[in-house]
Amino acid sequence: MPLDPHLLAAFTVATIVAMLAPGPDMLFVLSCGMRGGPRAGLLATAGLATSEAVHVLVAAAGLSALFTAVPEAFTVLRVAGAVYLGWLGVRMIRQRGEVLSEKPGATGRRAYLSGFLTNLSNPKMIAFSVAFLPQFVDPARGPVWAQFAVLGAILIFLEFLIDGAVGVGAGRIGSWLRRRRALSRRIDATTGGILIALGVRLAVER
């Protein structure tokens, strides 16, 4: 086994605790599920998980040193993610009440891409990959890349288990609520507001 069992257990517990605490990822999946249904909630989770895999690969390759050498690169990525979230929120508010079931494929693709791009520029996810993951890697136990692969697999599994359940559950509730036109408009307006707030939060975080 490439990882110390005690380190592996500590990593798993710490990751579960971090994921259970409501944060940008969970709120994003919740909003996607409420507006687009269970499939959109699950695909939003898949987008988050894909970006997490990218972060793990970057950390394993040592490219995270870029953010230390060039702090401006981190700032640019963070601001870009914030602008994208704000744009999504404004767009959702402007289109509130539209029937999404007419284009389920487009809705699913949008949820996936939004989840991917949002988490790709999430400062907490970057910090997690750069500062947190390496704490559970012991070069003396074997190839570092293999240890990162194990940690990344656990991270992605827990992402689907926790945030995926939130997205599907929110989607089932949202499907019932969307049958009521007035509530549908309120859901879209609330969801758009959440995304704008997340964008602002992303922009001001350090």
N, C-alpha and C. Protein backbone atom coordinates (compact mmCIF):
# COMPACT_ATOMS: atom_id res chain seq x y z
N MET A 1 0.85 -1.19 0.00
CA MET A 1 0.00 0.00 0.00
C MET A 1 0.88 1.25 0.00
N PRO A 2 0.65 2.21 -0.96
CA PRO A 2 1.56 3.36 -1.07
C PRO A 2 1.42 4.39 0.05
N LEU A 3 0.34 4.31 0.82
CA LEU A 3 0.10 5.31 1.86
C LEU A 3 0.12 4.69 3.24
N ASP A 4 0.59 5.47 4.20
CA ASP A 4 0.54 5.05 5.59
C ASP A 4 -0.94 4.95 6.01
N PRO A 5 -1.38 3.82 6.57
CA PRO A 5 -2.79 3.64 6.95
C PRO A 5 -3.31 4.73 7.88
N HIS A 6 -2.45 5.18 8.80
CA HIS A 6 -2.87 6.22 9.73
C HIS A 6 -3.08 7.56 9.01
N LEU A 7 -2.17 7.87 8.08
CA LEU A 7 -2.31 9.09 7.29
C LEU A 7 -3.55 9.01 6.41
N LEU A 8 -3.80 7.84 5.85
CA LEU A 8 -4.95 7.64 4.99
C LEU A 8 -6.26 7.85 5.76
N ALA A 9 -6.32 7.29 6.97
CA ALA A 9 -7.51 7.45 7.80
C ALA A 9 -7.71 8.91 8.18
N ALA A 10 -6.62 9.60 8.53
CA ALA A 10 -6.71 11.01 8.90
C ALA A 10 -7.18 11.86 7.71
N PHE A 11 -6.66 11.56 6.54
CA PHE A 11 -7.06 12.28 5.33
C PHE A 11 -8.54 12.08 5.05
N THR A 12 -9.02 10.85 5.15
CA THR A 12 -10.42 10.55 4.86
C THR A 12 -11.35 11.28 5.82
N VAL A 13 -11.03 11.22 7.11
CA VAL A 13 -11.87 11.89 8.11
C VAL A 13 -11.88 13.40 7.89
N ALA A 14 -10.70 13.98 7.67
CA ALA A 14 -10.59 15.43 7.48
C ALA A 14 -11.36 15.87 6.24
N THR A 15 -11.29 15.08 5.17
CA THR A 15 -11.99 15.43 3.93
C THR A 15 -13.50 15.35 4.11
N ILE A 16 -13.99 14.32 4.79
CA ILE A 16 -15.42 14.19 5.04
C ILE A 16 -15.94 15.37 5.85
N VAL A 17 -15.21 15.73 6.90
CA VAL A 17 -15.63 16.86 7.74
C VAL A 17 -15.68 18.14 6.91
N ALA A 18 -14.66 18.35 6.06
CA ALA A 18 -14.61 19.56 5.23
C ALA A 18 -15.77 19.60 4.23
N MET A 19 -16.13 18.45 3.67
CA MET A 19 -17.20 18.40 2.68
C MET A 19 -18.58 18.55 3.30
N LEU A 20 -18.74 18.05 4.53
CA LEU A 20 -20.04 18.15 5.18
C LEU A 20 -20.36 19.57 5.62
N ALA A 21 -19.32 20.38 5.82
CA ALA A 21 -19.55 21.77 6.18
C ALA A 21 -20.03 22.52 4.93
N PRO A 22 -21.22 23.16 4.98
CA PRO A 22 -21.74 23.87 3.80
C PRO A 22 -20.74 24.89 3.28
N GLY A 23 -20.41 24.78 2.02
CA GLY A 23 -19.46 25.69 1.40
C GLY A 23 -19.87 25.97 -0.03
N PRO A 24 -19.01 26.65 -0.81
CA PRO A 24 -19.35 26.98 -2.20
C PRO A 24 -19.72 25.78 -3.05
N ASP A 25 -18.99 24.66 -2.92
CA ASP A 25 -19.28 23.48 -3.73
C ASP A 25 -20.69 22.96 -3.45
N MET A 26 -21.01 22.78 -2.17
CA MET A 26 -22.31 22.24 -1.82
C MET A 26 -23.44 23.18 -2.23
N LEU A 27 -23.25 24.48 -2.02
CA LEU A 27 -24.28 25.44 -2.41
C LEU A 27 -24.47 25.47 -3.93
N PHE A 28 -23.37 25.32 -4.66
CA PHE A 28 -23.47 25.32 -6.12
C PHE A 28 -24.25 24.10 -6.60
N VAL A 29 -23.92 22.93 -6.07
CA VAL A 29 -24.62 21.70 -6.45
C VAL A 29 -26.10 21.78 -6.05
N LEU A 30 -26.35 22.34 -4.88
CA LEU A 30 -27.72 22.51 -4.40
C LEU A 30 -28.52 23.38 -5.36
N SER A 31 -27.93 24.49 -5.78
CA SER A 31 -28.63 25.40 -6.68
C SER A 31 -28.88 24.76 -8.05
N CYS A 32 -27.91 24.01 -8.56
CA CYS A 32 -28.08 23.33 -9.85
C CYS A 32 -29.18 22.28 -9.76
N GLY A 33 -29.20 21.52 -8.68
CA GLY A 33 -30.23 20.50 -8.50
C GLY A 33 -31.61 21.11 -8.38
N MET A 34 -31.73 22.19 -7.62
CA MET A 34 -33.03 22.83 -7.43
C MET A 34 -33.58 23.36 -8.74
N ARG A 35 -32.72 23.88 -9.58
CA ARG A 35 -33.21 24.48 -10.83
C ARG A 35 -33.31 23.46 -11.97
N GLY A 36 -32.37 22.54 -12.05
CA GLY A 36 -32.34 21.66 -13.22
C GLY A 36 -32.75 20.22 -12.97
N GLY A 37 -33.01 19.86 -11.71
CA GLY A 37 -33.42 18.49 -11.42
C GLY A 37 -32.26 17.61 -10.98
N PRO A 38 -32.56 16.34 -10.61
CA PRO A 38 -31.52 15.43 -10.10
C PRO A 38 -30.34 15.24 -11.05
N ARG A 39 -30.64 15.14 -12.35
CA ARG A 39 -29.56 14.93 -13.34
C ARG A 39 -28.60 16.11 -13.35
N ALA A 40 -29.14 17.33 -13.31
CA ALA A 40 -28.29 18.52 -13.30
C ALA A 40 -27.45 18.57 -12.03
N GLY A 41 -28.06 18.20 -10.89
CA GLY A 41 -27.31 18.18 -9.63
C GLY A 41 -26.16 17.19 -9.67
N LEU A 42 -26.42 16.02 -10.27
CA LEU A 42 -25.38 15.00 -10.35
C LEU A 42 -24.29 15.40 -11.34
N LEU A 43 -24.68 16.01 -12.44
CA LEU A 43 -23.68 16.45 -13.43
C LEU A 43 -22.86 17.63 -12.91
N ALA A 44 -23.47 18.48 -12.11
CA ALA A 44 -22.71 19.57 -11.48
C ALA A 44 -21.64 18.97 -10.56
N THR A 45 -22.02 17.91 -9.83
CA THR A 45 -21.05 17.21 -8.98
C THR A 45 -19.94 16.60 -9.81
N ALA A 46 -20.29 16.03 -10.96
CA ALA A 46 -19.28 15.45 -11.85
C ALA A 46 -18.31 16.52 -12.34
N GLY A 47 -18.83 17.72 -12.61
CA GLY A 47 -17.96 18.82 -13.01
C GLY A 47 -16.98 19.21 -11.91
N LEU A 48 -17.49 19.27 -10.68
CA LEU A 48 -16.62 19.56 -9.54
C LEU A 48 -15.56 18.48 -9.39
N ALA A 49 -15.97 17.23 -9.51
CA ALA A 49 -15.03 16.11 -9.35
C ALA A 49 -13.96 16.13 -10.43
N THR A 50 -14.34 16.49 -11.67
CA THR A 50 -13.36 16.57 -12.75
C THR A 50 -12.31 17.63 -12.47
N SER A 51 -12.76 18.79 -11.99
CA SER A 51 -11.81 19.85 -11.68
C SER A 51 -10.90 19.45 -10.53
N GLU A 52 -11.45 18.68 -9.57
CA GLU A 52 -10.62 18.20 -8.46
C GLU A 52 -9.53 17.26 -8.97
N ALA A 53 -9.89 16.43 -9.95
CA ALA A 53 -8.89 15.54 -10.54
C ALA A 53 -7.78 16.35 -11.21
N VAL A 54 -8.16 17.46 -11.87
CA VAL A 54 -7.17 18.33 -12.51
C VAL A 54 -6.25 18.94 -11.45
N HIS A 55 -6.84 19.41 -10.36
CA HIS A 55 -6.04 20.02 -9.28
C HIS A 55 -5.05 19.01 -8.71
N VAL A 56 -5.50 17.77 -8.51
CA VAL A 56 -4.62 16.74 -7.96
C VAL A 56 -3.48 16.45 -8.92
N LEU A 57 -3.79 16.38 -10.21
CA LEU A 57 -2.75 16.13 -11.22
C LEU A 57 -1.73 17.27 -11.23
N VAL A 58 -2.23 18.50 -11.13
CA VAL A 58 -1.34 19.67 -11.13
C VAL A 58 -0.42 19.62 -9.91
N ALA A 59 -1.01 19.31 -8.74
CA ALA A 59 -0.22 19.24 -7.52
C ALA A 59 0.82 18.13 -7.61
N ALA A 60 0.41 16.99 -8.15
CA ALA A 60 1.33 15.86 -8.28
C ALA A 60 2.47 16.17 -9.23
N ALA A 61 2.19 16.98 -10.25
CA ALA A 61 3.22 17.33 -11.23
C ALA A 61 4.14 18.45 -10.73
N GLY A 62 3.80 19.02 -9.59
CA GLY A 62 4.64 20.08 -9.04
C GLY A 62 4.38 21.44 -9.65
N LEU A 63 3.33 21.56 -10.48
CA LEU A 63 3.05 22.84 -11.12
C LEU A 63 2.47 23.87 -10.15
N SER A 64 2.07 23.40 -8.97
CA SER A 64 1.51 24.33 -7.99
C SER A 64 2.54 25.37 -7.55
N ALA A 65 3.83 25.08 -7.80
CA ALA A 65 4.88 26.04 -7.46
C ALA A 65 4.69 27.35 -8.22
N LEU A 66 3.93 27.30 -9.32
CA LEU A 66 3.68 28.51 -10.11
C LEU A 66 3.01 29.59 -9.26
N PHE A 67 2.06 29.18 -8.41
CA PHE A 67 1.33 30.16 -7.61
C PHE A 67 2.21 30.79 -6.53
N THR A 68 3.25 30.06 -6.15
CA THR A 68 4.20 30.62 -5.19
C THR A 68 5.15 31.59 -5.88
N ALA A 69 5.60 31.21 -7.07
CA ALA A 69 6.55 32.03 -7.82
C ALA A 69 5.87 33.25 -8.44
N VAL A 70 4.63 33.07 -8.91
CA VAL A 70 3.91 34.16 -9.57
C VAL A 70 2.54 34.30 -8.91
N PRO A 71 2.44 35.02 -7.81
CA PRO A 71 1.16 35.18 -7.10
C PRO A 71 0.06 35.78 -7.98
N GLU A 72 0.47 36.57 -8.97
CA GLU A 72 -0.52 37.20 -9.84
C GLU A 72 -1.34 36.16 -10.61
N ALA A 73 -0.74 35.00 -10.92
CA ALA A 73 -1.45 33.96 -11.64
C ALA A 73 -2.64 33.45 -10.82
N PHE A 74 -2.44 33.31 -9.53
CA PHE A 74 -3.51 32.88 -8.64
C PHE A 74 -4.63 33.92 -8.61
N THR A 75 -4.25 35.19 -8.55
CA THR A 75 -5.24 36.27 -8.49
C THR A 75 -6.08 36.31 -9.77
N VAL A 76 -5.42 36.18 -10.91
CA VAL A 76 -6.13 36.19 -12.19
C VAL A 76 -7.14 35.05 -12.26
N LEU A 77 -6.73 33.86 -11.83
CA LEU A 77 -7.62 32.70 -11.86
C LEU A 77 -8.81 32.90 -10.93
N ARG A 78 -8.55 33.45 -9.75
CA ARG A 78 -9.61 33.67 -8.77
C ARG A 78 -10.63 34.68 -9.28
N VAL A 79 -10.16 35.80 -9.85
CA VAL A 79 -11.05 36.82 -10.36
C VAL A 79 -11.86 36.31 -11.55
N ALA A 80 -11.21 35.53 -12.42
CA ALA A 80 -11.91 34.96 -13.57
C ALA A 80 -13.06 34.06 -13.11
N GLY A 81 -12.80 33.24 -12.10
CA GLY A 81 -13.85 32.38 -11.58
C GLY A 81 -14.99 33.17 -10.96
N ALA A 82 -14.66 34.25 -10.27
CA ALA A 82 -15.68 35.10 -9.65
C ALA A 82 -16.57 35.76 -10.71
N VAL A 83 -15.95 36.27 -11.77
CA VAL A 83 -16.71 36.91 -12.86
C VAL A 83 -17.63 35.90 -13.52
N TYR A 84 -17.14 34.69 -13.73
CA TYR A 84 -17.96 33.65 -14.37
C TYR A 84 -19.18 33.31 -13.52
N LEU A 85 -18.98 33.16 -12.22
CA LEU A 85 -20.10 32.86 -11.32
C LEU A 85 -21.12 34.00 -11.32
N GLY A 86 -20.63 35.22 -11.28
CA GLY A 86 -21.53 36.37 -11.31
C GLY A 86 -22.34 36.40 -12.59
N TRP A 87 -21.70 36.10 -13.70
CA TRP A 87 -22.40 36.08 -14.99
C TRP A 87 -23.48 35.01 -14.99
N LEU A 88 -23.17 33.83 -14.45
CA LEU A 88 -24.17 32.76 -14.37
C LEU A 88 -25.37 33.20 -13.53
N GLY A 89 -25.08 33.86 -12.41
CA GLY A 89 -26.16 34.30 -11.53
C GLY A 89 -27.07 35.32 -12.20
N VAL A 90 -26.49 36.30 -12.85
CA VAL A 90 -27.27 37.33 -13.54
C VAL A 90 -28.10 36.70 -14.65
N ARG A 91 -27.50 35.80 -15.39
CA ARG A 91 -28.20 35.13 -16.49
C ARG A 91 -29.40 34.32 -15.97
N MET A 92 -29.20 33.66 -14.84
CA MET A 92 -30.27 32.85 -14.27
C MET A 92 -31.43 33.72 -13.79
N ILE A 93 -31.12 34.87 -13.19
CA ILE A 93 -32.16 35.77 -12.74
C ILE A 93 -32.95 36.34 -13.92
N ARG A 94 -32.26 36.69 -14.98
CA ARG A 94 -32.92 37.26 -16.16
C ARG A 94 -33.82 36.24 -16.84
N GLN A 95 -33.44 34.95 -16.77
CA GLN A 95 -34.20 33.90 -17.45
C GLN A 95 -35.09 33.12 -16.47
N ARG A 96 -35.33 33.67 -15.29
CA ARG A 96 -36.08 32.95 -14.28
C ARG A 96 -37.47 32.57 -14.78
N GLY A 97 -37.88 31.37 -14.39
CA GLY A 97 -39.20 30.89 -14.76
C GLY A 97 -39.26 30.18 -16.09
N GLU A 98 -38.17 30.16 -16.86
CA GLU A 98 -38.18 29.44 -18.13
C GLU A 98 -38.24 27.95 -17.88
N VAL A 99 -38.88 27.23 -18.76
CA VAL A 99 -39.00 25.78 -18.63
C VAL A 99 -37.73 25.13 -19.15
N LEU A 100 -36.99 24.51 -18.26
CA LEU A 100 -35.70 23.94 -18.63
C LEU A 100 -35.84 22.56 -19.24
N SER A 101 -36.96 21.90 -19.02
CA SER A 101 -37.10 20.53 -19.49
C SER A 101 -37.12 20.42 -21.01
N GLU A 102 -37.27 21.54 -21.71
CA GLU A 102 -37.29 21.50 -23.15
C GLU A 102 -35.91 21.18 -23.71
N LYS A 103 -34.87 21.50 -22.98
CA LYS A 103 -33.51 21.24 -23.45
C LYS A 103 -32.71 20.58 -22.33
N PRO A 104 -33.08 19.34 -21.96
CA PRO A 104 -32.39 18.69 -20.84
C PRO A 104 -30.92 18.46 -21.08
N GLY A 105 -30.54 18.19 -22.33
CA GLY A 105 -29.14 17.94 -22.64
C GLY A 105 -28.30 19.19 -22.39
N ALA A 106 -28.83 20.33 -22.87
CA ALA A 106 -28.11 21.59 -22.70
C ALA A 106 -27.99 21.92 -21.22
N THR A 107 -29.06 21.67 -20.47
CA THR A 107 -29.03 21.95 -19.04
C THR A 107 -27.96 21.12 -18.34
N GLY A 108 -27.89 19.83 -18.70
CA GLY A 108 -26.89 18.95 -18.10
C GLY A 108 -25.48 19.37 -18.44
N ARG A 109 -25.24 19.71 -19.70
CA ARG A 109 -23.91 20.16 -20.11
C ARG A 109 -23.53 21.44 -19.40
N ARG A 110 -24.50 22.35 -19.27
CA ARG A 110 -24.23 23.62 -18.61
C ARG A 110 -23.88 23.40 -17.14
N ALA A 111 -24.60 22.49 -16.49
CA ALA A 111 -24.33 22.19 -15.08
C ALA A 111 -22.93 21.61 -14.91
N TYR A 112 -22.56 20.70 -15.82
CA TYR A 112 -21.23 20.07 -15.74
C TYR A 112 -20.12 21.10 -15.96
N LEU A 113 -20.25 21.88 -17.04
CA LEU A 113 -19.21 22.86 -17.35
C LEU A 113 -19.11 23.94 -16.27
N SER A 114 -20.27 24.34 -15.75
CA SER A 114 -20.26 25.36 -14.70
C SER A 114 -19.56 24.83 -13.45
N GLY A 115 -19.87 23.57 -13.09
CA GLY A 115 -19.22 22.98 -11.93
C GLY A 115 -17.72 22.86 -12.13
N PHE A 116 -17.32 22.47 -13.33
CA PHE A 116 -15.90 22.31 -13.64
C PHE A 116 -15.17 23.64 -13.57
N LEU A 117 -15.69 24.66 -14.25
CA LEU A 117 -15.01 25.95 -14.31
C LEU A 117 -15.03 26.66 -12.96
N THR A 118 -16.14 26.50 -12.23
CA THR A 118 -16.23 27.15 -10.92
C THR A 118 -15.19 26.60 -9.95
N ASN A 119 -15.11 25.28 -9.86
CA ASN A 119 -14.20 24.67 -8.91
C ASN A 119 -12.74 24.78 -9.36
N LEU A 120 -12.54 24.89 -10.67
CA LEU A 120 -11.18 25.01 -11.19
C LEU A 120 -10.52 26.29 -10.68
N SER A 121 -11.33 27.32 -10.46
CA SER A 121 -10.79 28.60 -10.00
C SER A 121 -11.11 28.88 -8.54
N ASN A 122 -11.53 27.83 -7.82
CA ASN A 122 -11.86 27.98 -6.40
C ASN A 122 -10.57 28.04 -5.58
N PRO A 123 -10.30 29.16 -4.89
CA PRO A 123 -9.04 29.28 -4.14
C PRO A 123 -8.89 28.22 -3.06
N LYS A 124 -10.01 27.82 -2.45
CA LYS A 124 -9.92 26.80 -1.40
C LYS A 124 -9.50 25.46 -1.97
N MET A 125 -10.00 25.14 -3.17
CA MET A 125 -9.62 23.87 -3.79
C MET A 125 -8.16 23.89 -4.21
N ILE A 126 -7.70 25.05 -4.68
CA ILE A 126 -6.29 25.19 -5.05
C ILE A 126 -5.42 25.03 -3.81
N ALA A 127 -5.82 25.72 -2.73
CA ALA A 127 -5.05 25.62 -1.48
C ALA A 127 -5.08 24.19 -0.94
N PHE A 128 -6.22 23.53 -1.09
CA PHE A 128 -6.36 22.14 -0.64
C PHE A 128 -5.34 21.26 -1.35
N SER A 129 -5.24 21.43 -2.67
CA SER A 129 -4.33 20.60 -3.46
C SER A 129 -2.87 20.94 -3.19
N VAL A 130 -2.61 22.25 -3.05
CA VAL A 130 -1.22 22.70 -2.89
C VAL A 130 -0.69 22.47 -1.48
N ALA A 131 -1.52 22.76 -0.47
CA ALA A 131 -1.04 22.73 0.91
C ALA A 131 -1.52 21.53 1.72
N PHE A 132 -2.74 21.05 1.44
CA PHE A 132 -3.31 20.00 2.28
C PHE A 132 -2.91 18.59 1.83
N LEU A 133 -3.09 18.31 0.56
CA LEU A 133 -2.79 16.96 0.06
C LEU A 133 -1.35 16.51 0.35
N PRO A 134 -0.34 17.36 0.10
CA PRO A 134 1.04 16.92 0.33
C PRO A 134 1.33 16.52 1.77
N GLN A 135 0.50 16.98 2.73
CA GLN A 135 0.73 16.61 4.12
C GLN A 135 0.54 15.11 4.37
N PHE A 136 -0.16 14.45 3.46
CA PHE A 136 -0.46 13.03 3.62
C PHE A 136 0.37 12.16 2.68
N VAL A 137 1.36 12.77 2.07
CA VAL A 137 2.25 12.05 1.15
C VAL A 137 3.60 11.83 1.82
N ASP A 138 4.08 10.61 1.79
CA ASP A 138 5.37 10.26 2.38
C ASP A 138 6.26 9.65 1.29
N PRO A 139 7.23 10.44 0.77
CA PRO A 139 8.10 9.93 -0.31
C PRO A 139 8.81 8.63 0.05
N ALA A 140 9.00 8.37 1.34
CA ALA A 140 9.71 7.17 1.75
C ALA A 140 8.90 5.90 1.49
N ARG A 141 7.59 6.05 1.26
CA ARG A 141 6.72 4.88 1.07
C ARG A 141 6.55 4.50 -0.39
N GLY A 142 7.17 5.24 -1.30
CA GLY A 142 7.06 4.87 -2.71
C GLY A 142 6.80 6.08 -3.59
N PRO A 143 6.45 5.82 -4.86
CA PRO A 143 6.23 6.91 -5.81
C PRO A 143 5.20 7.92 -5.32
N VAL A 144 5.58 9.18 -5.39
CA VAL A 144 4.68 10.24 -4.93
C VAL A 144 3.42 10.28 -5.79
N TRP A 145 3.56 10.07 -7.10
CA TRP A 145 2.41 10.14 -7.99
C TRP A 145 1.36 9.10 -7.62
N ALA A 146 1.81 7.91 -7.18
CA ALA A 146 0.87 6.87 -6.79
C ALA A 146 0.09 7.27 -5.54
N GLN A 147 0.78 7.93 -4.61
CA GLN A 147 0.11 8.38 -3.39
C GLN A 147 -0.91 9.48 -3.70
N PHE A 148 -0.54 10.40 -4.59
CA PHE A 148 -1.49 11.43 -5.01
C PHE A 148 -2.69 10.79 -5.71
N ALA A 149 -2.45 9.74 -6.49
CA ALA A 149 -3.54 9.06 -7.20
C ALA A 149 -4.54 8.46 -6.22
N VAL A 150 -4.04 7.84 -5.15
CA VAL A 150 -4.92 7.25 -4.15
C VAL A 150 -5.73 8.34 -3.44
N LEU A 151 -5.04 9.40 -3.03
CA LEU A 151 -5.73 10.50 -2.35
C LEU A 151 -6.77 11.15 -3.27
N GLY A 152 -6.42 11.32 -4.54
CA GLY A 152 -7.35 11.91 -5.49
C GLY A 152 -8.57 11.03 -5.71
N ALA A 153 -8.37 9.72 -5.78
CA ALA A 153 -9.49 8.79 -5.97
C ALA A 153 -10.45 8.86 -4.78
N ILE A 154 -9.90 8.93 -3.57
CA ILE A 154 -10.74 9.05 -2.37
C ILE A 154 -11.51 10.36 -2.39
N LEU A 155 -10.82 11.43 -2.76
CA LEU A 155 -11.44 12.75 -2.82
C LEU A 155 -12.63 12.76 -3.78
N ILE A 156 -12.44 12.20 -4.96
CA ILE A 156 -13.50 12.18 -5.97
C ILE A 156 -14.66 11.29 -5.52
N PHE A 157 -14.35 10.14 -4.91
CA PHE A 157 -15.41 9.26 -4.41
C PHE A 157 -16.26 9.97 -3.36
N LEU A 158 -15.61 10.67 -2.44
CA LEU A 158 -16.35 11.37 -1.39
C LEU A 158 -17.15 12.54 -1.97
N GLU A 159 -16.62 13.15 -3.03
CA GLU A 159 -17.34 14.24 -3.69
C GLU A 159 -18.68 13.74 -4.22
N PHE A 160 -18.65 12.60 -4.91
CA PHE A 160 -19.89 12.04 -5.45
C PHE A 160 -20.81 11.57 -4.32
N LEU A 161 -20.24 11.00 -3.29
CA LEU A 161 -21.04 10.46 -2.19
C LEU A 161 -21.79 11.57 -1.45
N ILE A 162 -21.11 12.68 -1.16
CA ILE A 162 -21.71 13.73 -0.34
C ILE A 162 -22.42 14.78 -1.19
N ASP A 163 -21.67 15.47 -2.05
CA ASP A 163 -22.30 16.52 -2.85
C ASP A 163 -23.26 15.94 -3.88
N GLY A 164 -22.95 14.73 -4.38
CA GLY A 164 -23.87 14.09 -5.32
C GLY A 164 -25.22 13.83 -4.69
N ALA A 165 -25.21 13.37 -3.44
CA ALA A 165 -26.47 13.12 -2.72
C ALA A 165 -27.24 14.42 -2.52
N VAL A 166 -26.52 15.50 -2.22
CA VAL A 166 -27.16 16.81 -2.05
C VAL A 166 -27.80 17.25 -3.36
N GLY A 167 -27.08 17.10 -4.47
CA GLY A 167 -27.60 17.52 -5.77
C GLY A 167 -28.82 16.75 -6.20
N VAL A 168 -28.79 15.43 -6.02
CA VAL A 168 -29.94 14.59 -6.40
C VAL A 168 -31.14 14.90 -5.51
N GLY A 169 -30.88 15.03 -4.20
CA GLY A 169 -31.98 15.34 -3.28
C GLY A 169 -32.60 16.69 -3.59
N ALA A 170 -31.78 17.69 -3.85
CA ALA A 170 -32.29 19.01 -4.20
C ALA A 170 -33.05 18.97 -5.51
N GLY A 171 -32.57 18.13 -6.44
CA GLY A 171 -33.24 18.00 -7.73
C GLY A 171 -34.64 17.44 -7.60
N ARG A 172 -34.82 16.47 -6.71
CA ARG A 172 -36.14 15.86 -6.51
C ARG A 172 -37.11 16.87 -5.89
N ILE A 173 -36.61 17.64 -4.95
CA ILE A 173 -37.47 18.66 -4.34
C ILE A 173 -37.77 19.75 -5.36
N GLY A 174 -36.74 20.15 -6.10
CA GLY A 174 -36.92 21.21 -7.10
C GLY A 174 -37.88 20.82 -8.20
N SER A 175 -37.87 19.53 -8.61
CA SER A 175 -38.78 19.06 -9.65
C SER A 175 -40.23 19.26 -9.23
N TRP A 176 -40.51 19.00 -7.97
CA TRP A 176 -41.86 19.20 -7.45
C TRP A 176 -42.21 20.68 -7.40
N LEU A 177 -41.27 21.50 -6.96
CA LEU A 177 -41.54 22.92 -6.83
C LEU A 177 -41.69 23.60 -8.18
N ARG A 178 -40.95 23.12 -9.20
CA ARG A 178 -40.99 23.79 -10.50
C ARG A 178 -42.33 23.62 -11.20
N ARG A 179 -43.17 22.70 -10.74
CA ARG A 179 -44.49 22.56 -11.32
C ARG A 179 -45.38 23.75 -10.96
N ARG A 180 -44.95 24.50 -10.00
CA ARG A 180 -45.67 25.70 -9.59
C ARG A 180 -44.91 26.92 -10.12
N ARG A 181 -45.49 27.59 -11.10
CA ARG A 181 -44.81 28.63 -11.86
C ARG A 181 -44.22 29.73 -10.98
N ALA A 182 -45.01 30.22 -10.03
CA ALA A 182 -44.53 31.32 -9.19
C ALA A 182 -43.34 30.87 -8.35
N LEU A 183 -43.41 29.66 -7.81
CA LEU A 183 -42.30 29.14 -7.02
C LEU A 183 -41.08 28.93 -7.89
N SER A 184 -41.31 28.53 -9.15
CA SER A 184 -40.20 28.32 -10.06
C SER A 184 -39.41 29.60 -10.27
N ARG A 185 -40.12 30.71 -10.43
CA ARG A 185 -39.45 31.99 -10.62
C ARG A 185 -38.66 32.37 -9.38
N ARG A 186 -39.23 32.10 -8.21
CA ARG A 186 -38.53 32.42 -6.96
C ARG A 186 -37.28 31.56 -6.81
N ILE A 187 -37.39 30.28 -7.18
CA ILE A 187 -36.23 29.38 -7.10
C ILE A 187 -35.09 29.89 -7.98
N ASP A 188 -35.44 30.29 -9.22
CA ASP A 188 -34.42 30.77 -10.15
C ASP A 188 -33.78 32.06 -9.63
N ALA A 189 -34.61 32.96 -9.09
CA ALA A 189 -34.08 34.21 -8.57
C ALA A 189 -33.17 33.96 -7.37
N THR A 190 -33.60 33.04 -6.49
CA THR A 190 -32.78 32.70 -5.33
C THR A 190 -31.48 32.04 -5.74
N THR A 191 -31.57 31.11 -6.70
CA THR A 191 -30.38 30.42 -7.19
C THR A 191 -29.40 31.40 -7.82
N GLY A 192 -29.93 32.32 -8.63
CA GLY A 192 -29.07 33.33 -9.24
C GLY A 192 -28.39 34.19 -8.19
N GLY A 193 -29.14 34.55 -7.15
CA GLY A 193 -28.56 35.33 -6.06
C GLY A 193 -27.45 34.59 -5.34
N ILE A 194 -27.66 33.27 -5.15
CA ILE A 194 -26.63 32.45 -4.50
C ILE A 194 -25.35 32.44 -5.33
N LEU A 195 -25.50 32.29 -6.65
CA LEU A 195 -24.32 32.24 -7.52
C LEU A 195 -23.58 33.58 -7.52
N ILE A 196 -24.33 34.68 -7.53
CA ILE A 196 -23.69 36.00 -7.48
C ILE A 196 -22.95 36.17 -6.16
N ALA A 197 -23.59 35.74 -5.05
CA ALA A 197 -22.94 35.84 -3.74
C ALA A 197 -21.67 34.99 -3.68
N LEU A 198 -21.74 33.79 -4.30
CA LEU A 198 -20.55 32.95 -4.34
C LEU A 198 -19.44 33.60 -5.15
N GLY A 199 -19.83 34.27 -6.24
CA GLY A 199 -18.84 34.98 -7.05
C GLY A 199 -18.16 36.08 -6.26
N VAL A 200 -18.95 36.85 -5.51
CA VAL A 200 -18.39 37.92 -4.68
C VAL A 200 -17.46 37.34 -3.63
N ARG A 201 -17.90 36.23 -3.01
CA ARG A 201 -17.09 35.58 -1.99
C ARG A 201 -15.76 35.10 -2.58
N LEU A 202 -15.83 34.54 -3.77
CA LEU A 202 -14.62 34.05 -4.44
C LEU A 202 -13.67 35.20 -4.74
N ALA A 203 -14.24 36.37 -5.13
CA ALA A 203 -13.41 37.51 -5.50
C ALA A 203 -12.67 38.10 -4.31
N VAL A 204 -13.30 38.07 -3.14
CA VAL A 204 -12.68 38.73 -1.97
C VAL A 204 -11.85 37.78 -1.12
N GLU A 205 -11.95 36.46 -1.39
CA GLU A 205 -11.17 35.51 -0.58
C GLU A 205 -9.70 35.64 -0.89
N ARG A 206 -8.89 35.33 0.12
CA ARG A 206 -7.43 35.33 -0.06
C ARG A 206 -6.89 33.99 0.39
